[in-house]
Amino acid sequence: LIPPPMSGLQLAAKRAIDLIGALVLIVLSAPVLLIVAVLVKQTSPGPILFIQERVGLNKRKFRLLKFRTMVVNAEELQKTVESLNEADGPVFKIKKDPRITPIGTFLRKTSLDELPQLFNVLSGGMSLVGPRPLPLRDFAAFDQDWHRRRFSVRPGITCLWQIRGRSSLSFDRWMELDMEYIDHWSLWLD
């Protein structure tokens, strides 16, 4: 039996934790944010941030912020590396993506590229914990209704599949872990 979705006081408590947590983490990580911004700018031409439309709560689009880890025209170049996709299902992942900058490899390995998403949490587009938001390309390829249940909660900076195997998991296992999170959500789980 599937438990009822988050509601009322639980959602208010989760949002309060998100706001307080994001504010505290932004203040504590400010020196790191600054250092990473300088490193990105000095090691490759282009903007510091990568901003991409993603699909969030109730399939609403929002602009996700990340430190840029790839060359400036990486999205246009994706068509040229589609054949290298190592992920199953409708997602796109390459372990040794040729579009990644040298500093980008380090930022991805340490997840420092995700720090700007704390501002997405403040603005309400994301939560600290929840299913990862997907690019429009990946969302458009979803063909099973049970996969779409992940859009019934606010997407998060981190989630179960990231701590249980990250890119080494199959797409279906990733979706199963997202459903596990949704079905068994609690403040304690977060």
C-alpha atoms as a PDB file:
ATOM      1  CA  LEU A   1       0.000   0.000   0.000  1.00  0.00           C
ATOM      2  CA  ILE A   2       1.357   3.403  -0.995  1.00  0.00           C
ATOM      3  CA  PRO A   3       1.335   5.973   1.831  1.00  0.00           C
ATOM      4  CA  PRO A   4      -0.398   9.319   1.203  1.00  0.00           C
ATOM      5  CA  PRO A   5       1.801  12.017  -0.375  1.00  0.00           C
ATOM      6  CA  MET A   6       3.480  14.729   1.667  1.00  0.00           C
ATOM      7  CA  SER A   7       1.019  17.350   2.806  1.00  0.00           C
ATOM      8  CA  GLY A   8       0.243  20.122   5.289  1.00  0.00           C
ATOM      9  CA  LEU A   9       2.647  20.435   8.183  1.00  0.00           C
ATOM     10  CA  GLN A  10       5.096  17.953   6.683  1.00  0.00           C
ATOM     11  CA  LEU A  11       5.483  20.076   3.550  1.00  0.00           C
ATOM     12  CA  ALA A  12       5.783  23.254   5.606  1.00  0.00           C
ATOM     13  CA  ALA A  13       8.474  21.642   7.776  1.00  0.00           C
ATOM     14  CA  LYS A  14      10.353  20.362   4.705  1.00  0.00           C
ATOM     15  CA  ARG A  15      10.243  23.835   3.122  1.00  0.00           C
ATOM     16  CA  ALA A  16      11.453  25.481   6.359  1.00  0.00           C
ATOM     17  CA  ILE A  17      14.351  23.014   6.563  1.00  0.00           C
ATOM     18  CA  ASP A  18      15.152  23.709   2.905  1.00  0.00           C
ATOM     19  CA  LEU A  19      15.194  27.481   3.438  1.00  0.00           C
ATOM     20  CA  ILE A  20      17.240  27.412   6.632  1.00  0.00           C
ATOM     21  CA  GLY A  21      19.550  24.692   5.304  1.00  0.00           C
ATOM     22  CA  ALA A  22      20.165  26.494   2.003  1.00  0.00           C
ATOM     23  CA  LEU A  23      20.857  29.817   3.720  1.00  0.00           C
ATOM     24  CA  VAL A  24      23.290  28.255   6.197  1.00  0.00           C
ATOM     25  CA  LEU A  25      25.022  26.256   3.451  1.00  0.00           C
ATOM     26  CA  ILE A  26      25.351  29.335   1.211  1.00  0.00           C
ATOM     27  CA  VAL A  27      26.945  31.322   4.040  1.00  0.00           C
ATOM     28  CA  LEU A  28      29.286  28.464   5.023  1.00  0.00           C
ATOM     29  CA  SER A  29      30.242  27.663   1.449  1.00  0.00           C
ATOM     30  CA  ALA A  30      30.638  31.300   0.289  1.00  0.00           C
ATOM     31  CA  PRO A  31      34.471  31.058   0.157  1.00  0.00           C
ATOM     32  CA  VAL A  32      34.222  27.814  -1.842  1.00  0.00           C
ATOM     33  CA  LEU A  33      31.628  29.358  -4.175  1.00  0.00           C
ATOM     34  CA  LEU A  34      33.994  32.253  -4.821  1.00  0.00           C
ATOM     35  CA  ILE A  35      37.057  30.044  -5.381  1.00  0.00           C
ATOM     36  CA  VAL A  36      35.168  27.736  -7.762  1.00  0.00           C
ATOM     37  CA  ALA A  37      33.767  30.723  -9.682  1.00  0.00           C
ATOM     38  CA  VAL A  38      37.283  32.109 -10.152  1.00  0.00           C
ATOM     39  CA  LEU A  39      38.647  28.692 -11.210  1.00  0.00           C
ATOM     40  CA  VAL A  40      35.885  28.175 -13.794  1.00  0.00           C
ATOM     41  CA  LYS A  41      36.429  31.665 -15.235  1.00  0.00           C
ATOM     42  CA  GLN A  42      40.229  31.345 -15.355  1.00  0.00           C
ATOM     43  CA  THR A  43      40.405  27.841 -16.828  1.00  0.00           C
ATOM     44  CA  SER A  44      37.962  28.084 -19.726  1.00  0.00           C
ATOM     45  CA  PRO A  45      36.319  30.835 -21.749  1.00  0.00           C
ATOM     46  CA  GLY A  46      32.630  31.474 -21.177  1.00  0.00           C
ATOM     47  CA  PRO A  47      30.236  32.066 -18.325  1.00  0.00           C
ATOM     48  CA  ILE A  48      30.796  30.815 -14.777  1.00  0.00           C
ATOM     49  CA  LEU A  49      27.336  29.322 -14.464  1.00  0.00           C
ATOM     50  CA  PHE A  50      25.562  26.800 -16.643  1.00  0.00           C
ATOM     51  CA  ILE A  51      21.839  27.555 -16.669  1.00  0.00           C
ATOM     52  CA  GLN A  52      19.480  24.984 -18.136  1.00  0.00           C
ATOM     53  CA  GLU A  53      15.735  24.509 -18.166  1.00  0.00           C
ATOM     54  CA  ARG A  54      14.751  21.456 -16.171  1.00  0.00           C
ATOM     55  CA  VAL A  55      11.453  19.805 -15.291  1.00  0.00           C
ATOM     56  CA  GLY A  56      10.401  20.079 -11.661  1.00  0.00           C
ATOM     57  CA  LEU A  57       7.357  19.787  -9.413  1.00  0.00           C
ATOM     58  CA  ASN A  58       4.138  19.167 -11.360  1.00  0.00           C
ATOM     59  CA  LYS A  59       6.197  19.145 -14.590  1.00  0.00           C
ATOM     60  CA  ARG A  60       6.839  22.882 -14.323  1.00  0.00           C
ATOM     61  CA  LYS A  61       9.981  24.151 -16.000  1.00  0.00           C
ATOM     62  CA  PHE A  62      12.586  26.076 -14.019  1.00  0.00           C
ATOM     63  CA  ARG A  63      16.117  27.307 -14.617  1.00  0.00           C
ATOM     64  CA  LEU A  64      18.665  25.081 -12.870  1.00  0.00           C
ATOM     65  CA  LEU A  65      21.980  26.664 -11.844  1.00  0.00           C
ATOM     66  CA  LYS A  66      25.310  24.821 -11.854  1.00  0.00           C
ATOM     67  CA  PHE A  67      28.918  25.797 -12.151  1.00  0.00           C
ATOM     68  CA  ARG A  68      29.853  25.262 -15.799  1.00  0.00           C
ATOM     69  CA  THR A  69      31.862  22.048 -16.207  1.00  0.00           C
ATOM     70  CA  MET A  70      31.736  21.749 -19.993  1.00  0.00           C
ATOM     71  CA  VAL A  71      32.766  23.782 -22.995  1.00  0.00           C
ATOM     72  CA  VAL A  72      30.427  26.664 -23.843  1.00  0.00           C
ATOM     73  CA  ASN A  73      28.669  24.948 -26.769  1.00  0.00           C
ATOM     74  CA  ALA A  74      28.292  21.572 -25.029  1.00  0.00           C
ATOM     75  CA  GLU A  75      24.544  21.336 -25.627  1.00  0.00           C
ATOM     76  CA  GLU A  76      24.985  21.827 -29.377  1.00  0.00           C
ATOM     77  CA  LEU A  77      27.825  19.273 -29.370  1.00  0.00           C
ATOM     78  CA  GLN A  78      25.647  16.662 -27.630  1.00  0.00           C
ATOM     79  CA  LYS A  79      24.334  15.540 -31.010  1.00  0.00           C
ATOM     80  CA  THR A  80      27.883  14.620 -32.020  1.00  0.00           C
ATOM     81  CA  VAL A  81      28.422  12.427 -28.938  1.00  0.00           C
ATOM     82  CA  GLU A  82      24.975  10.776 -28.700  1.00  0.00           C
ATOM     83  CA  SER A  83      26.512   7.492 -29.891  1.00  0.00           C
ATOM     84  CA  LEU A  84      28.753   7.481 -26.783  1.00  0.00           C
ATOM     85  CA  ASN A  85      25.792   7.459 -24.358  1.00  0.00           C
ATOM     86  CA  GLU A  86      26.436   4.847 -21.646  1.00  0.00           C
ATOM     87  CA  ALA A  87      23.073   5.144 -19.871  1.00  0.00           C
ATOM     88  CA  ASP A  88      20.063   3.004 -20.567  1.00  0.00           C
ATOM     89  CA  GLY A  89      16.601   4.512 -20.766  1.00  0.00           C
ATOM     90  CA  PRO A  90      15.855   8.078 -21.847  1.00  0.00           C
ATOM     91  CA  VAL A  91      18.801   9.734 -20.079  1.00  0.00           C
ATOM     92  CA  PHE A  92      22.203  10.782 -21.405  1.00  0.00           C
ATOM     93  CA  LYS A  93      25.422  10.035 -19.478  1.00  0.00           C
ATOM     94  CA  ILE A  94      29.032   9.569 -20.529  1.00  0.00           C
ATOM     95  CA  LYS A  95      31.711   8.861 -17.909  1.00  0.00           C
ATOM     96  CA  LYS A  96      34.555  10.409 -19.927  1.00  0.00           C
ATOM     97  CA  ASP A  97      32.587  13.061 -21.795  1.00  0.00           C
ATOM     98  CA  PRO A  98      34.964  14.880 -24.202  1.00  0.00           C
ATOM     99  CA  ARG A  99      33.052  18.147 -23.648  1.00  0.00           C
ATOM    100  CA  ILE A 100      34.084  18.398 -19.979  1.00  0.00           C
ATOM    101  CA  THR A 101      36.711  20.991 -19.104  1.00  0.00           C
ATOM    102  CA  PRO A 102      39.744  20.000 -16.983  1.00  0.00           C
ATOM    103  CA  ILE A 103      38.366  21.829 -13.915  1.00  0.00           C
ATOM    104  CA  GLY A 104      34.944  20.367 -14.743  1.00  0.00           C
ATOM    105  CA  THR A 105      36.205  16.844 -14.080  1.00  0.00           C
ATOM    106  CA  PHE A 106      37.220  17.856 -10.552  1.00  0.00           C
ATOM    107  CA  LEU A 107      34.000  19.796  -9.925  1.00  0.00           C
ATOM    108  CA  ARG A 108      31.853  16.847 -10.992  1.00  0.00           C
ATOM    109  CA  LYS A 109      33.859  14.304  -9.002  1.00  0.00           C
ATOM    110  CA  THR A 110      33.463  16.425  -5.840  1.00  0.00           C
ATOM    111  CA  SER A 111      29.899  17.596  -6.731  1.00  0.00           C
ATOM    112  CA  LEU A 112      31.033  21.200  -6.220  1.00  0.00           C
ATOM    113  CA  ASP A 113      29.341  22.041  -9.533  1.00  0.00           C
ATOM    114  CA  GLU A 114      25.997  21.527  -7.760  1.00  0.00           C
ATOM    115  CA  LEU A 115      26.516  24.256  -5.114  1.00  0.00           C
ATOM    116  CA  PRO A 116      24.676  27.013  -7.058  1.00  0.00           C
ATOM    117  CA  GLN A 117      21.532  24.883  -6.781  1.00  0.00           C
ATOM    118  CA  LEU A 118      21.274  26.130  -3.210  1.00  0.00           C
ATOM    119  CA  PHE A 119      19.899  29.297  -4.830  1.00  0.00           C
ATOM    120  CA  ASN A 120      17.327  27.127  -6.658  1.00  0.00           C
ATOM    121  CA  VAL A 121      16.291  25.824  -3.223  1.00  0.00           C
ATOM    122  CA  LEU A 122      15.892  29.379  -1.905  1.00  0.00           C
ATOM    123  CA  SER A 123      13.725  30.353  -4.877  1.00  0.00           C
ATOM    124  CA  GLY A 124      11.473  27.304  -4.379  1.00  0.00           C
ATOM    125  CA  GLY A 125      12.304  25.458  -7.594  1.00  0.00           C
ATOM    126  CA  MET A 126      14.163  22.726  -5.730  1.00  0.00           C
ATOM    127  CA  SER A 127      14.522  21.056  -2.357  1.00  0.00           C
ATOM    128  CA  LEU A 128      17.699  19.893  -0.645  1.00  0.00           C
ATOM    129  CA  VAL A 129      16.517  16.275  -1.059  1.00  0.00           C
ATOM    130  CA  GLY A 130      14.285  14.862  -3.778  1.00  0.00           C
ATOM    131  CA  PRO A 131      14.460  13.245  -7.220  1.00  0.00           C
ATOM    132  CA  ARG A 132      17.062  14.962  -9.418  1.00  0.00           C
ATOM    133  CA  PRO A 133      15.541  17.387 -11.947  1.00  0.00           C
ATOM    134  CA  LEU A 134      15.834  16.201 -15.520  1.00  0.00           C
ATOM    135  CA  PRO A 135      16.718  18.147 -18.663  1.00  0.00           C
ATOM    136  CA  LEU A 136      13.857  18.706 -21.114  1.00  0.00           C
ATOM    137  CA  ARG A 137      15.495  16.247 -23.552  1.00  0.00           C
ATOM    138  CA  ASP A 138      15.332  13.390 -21.033  1.00  0.00           C
ATOM    139  CA  PHE A 139      11.817  14.266 -19.840  1.00  0.00           C
ATOM    140  CA  ALA A 140      10.511  14.267 -23.419  1.00  0.00           C
ATOM    141  CA  ALA A 141      11.688  10.665 -23.819  1.00  0.00           C
ATOM    142  CA  PHE A 142       9.773   9.341 -20.781  1.00  0.00           C
ATOM    143  CA  ASP A 143       7.313   6.754 -22.028  1.00  0.00           C
ATOM    144  CA  GLN A 144       6.008   5.116 -18.847  1.00  0.00           C
ATOM    145  CA  ASP A 145       3.522   6.676 -16.444  1.00  0.00           C
ATOM    146  CA  TRP A 146       5.241   5.282 -13.335  1.00  0.00           C
ATOM    147  CA  HIS A 147       8.377   7.266 -14.271  1.00  0.00           C
ATOM    148  CA  ARG A 148       6.332  10.469 -14.318  1.00  0.00           C
ATOM    149  CA  ARG A 149       5.356  10.104 -10.628  1.00  0.00           C
ATOM    150  CA  ARG A 150       8.733  11.629  -9.777  1.00  0.00           C
ATOM    151  CA  PHE A 151       7.279  15.012 -10.752  1.00  0.00           C
ATOM    152  CA  SER A 152       4.805  14.845  -7.858  1.00  0.00           C
ATOM    153  CA  VAL A 153       7.482  16.189  -5.483  1.00  0.00           C
ATOM    154  CA  ARG A 154       9.947  19.066  -5.647  1.00  0.00           C
ATOM    155  CA  PRO A 155      13.238  17.949  -7.224  1.00  0.00           C
ATOM    156  CA  GLY A 156      16.324  17.891  -5.023  1.00  0.00           C
ATOM    157  CA  ILE A 157      20.033  18.568  -5.028  1.00  0.00           C
ATOM    158  CA  THR A 158      20.584  15.035  -3.790  1.00  0.00           C
ATOM    159  CA  CYS A 159      18.523  11.856  -3.795  1.00  0.00           C
ATOM    160  CA  LEU A 160      18.605   8.146  -3.009  1.00  0.00           C
ATOM    161  CA  TRP A 161      20.120   7.037  -6.322  1.00  0.00           C
ATOM    162  CA  GLN A 162      23.026   9.446  -5.900  1.00  0.00           C
ATOM    163  CA  ILE A 163      23.970   7.998  -2.532  1.00  0.00           C
ATOM    164  CA  ARG A 164      23.302   4.390  -3.578  1.00  0.00           C
ATOM    165  CA  GLY A 165      25.324   4.167  -6.751  1.00  0.00           C
ATOM    166  CA  ARG A 166      25.049   7.326  -8.817  1.00  0.00           C
ATOM    167  CA  SER A 167      25.728   6.703 -12.517  1.00  0.00           C
ATOM    168  CA  SER A 168      26.492   3.011 -12.012  1.00  0.00           C
ATOM    169  CA  LEU A 169      22.764   2.243 -11.573  1.00  0.00           C
ATOM    170  CA  SER A 170      20.417   1.376 -14.407  1.00  0.00           C
ATOM    171  CA  PHE A 171      17.727   3.866 -15.385  1.00  0.00           C
ATOM    172  CA  ASP A 172      14.967   1.606 -14.017  1.00  0.00           C
ATOM    173  CA  ARG A 173      16.785   1.233 -10.670  1.00  0.00           C
ATOM    174  CA  TRP A 174      17.186   5.029 -10.565  1.00  0.00           C
ATOM    175  CA  MET A 175      13.434   5.436 -11.104  1.00  0.00           C
ATOM    176  CA  GLU A 176      12.671   2.738  -8.489  1.00  0.00           C
ATOM    177  CA  LEU A 177      14.755   4.647  -5.924  1.00  0.00           C
ATOM    178  CA  ASP A 178      12.923   7.878  -6.797  1.00  0.00           C
ATOM    179  CA  MET A 179       9.604   6.077  -6.193  1.00  0.00           C
ATOM    180  CA  GLU A 180      10.958   4.631  -2.935  1.00  0.00           C
ATOM    181  CA  TYR A 181      11.784   8.164  -1.798  1.00  0.00           C
ATOM    182  CA  ILE A 182       8.327   9.464  -2.765  1.00  0.00           C
ATOM    183  CA  ASP A 183       6.488   6.525  -1.171  1.00  0.00           C
ATOM    184  CA  HIS A 184       8.466   6.493   2.079  1.00  0.00           C
ATOM    185  CA  TRP A 185       9.291  10.176   2.472  1.00  0.00           C
ATOM    186  CA  SER A 186       9.819  11.548   5.983  1.00  0.00           C
ATOM    187  CA  LEU A 187      11.840  14.324   7.544  1.00  0.00           C
ATOM    188  CA  TRP A 188      14.033  11.608   9.022  1.00  0.00           C
ATOM    189  CA  LEU A 189      14.679  10.122   5.549  1.00  0.00           C
ATOM    190  CA  ASP A 190      15.700  13.574   4.273  1.00  0.00           C
END
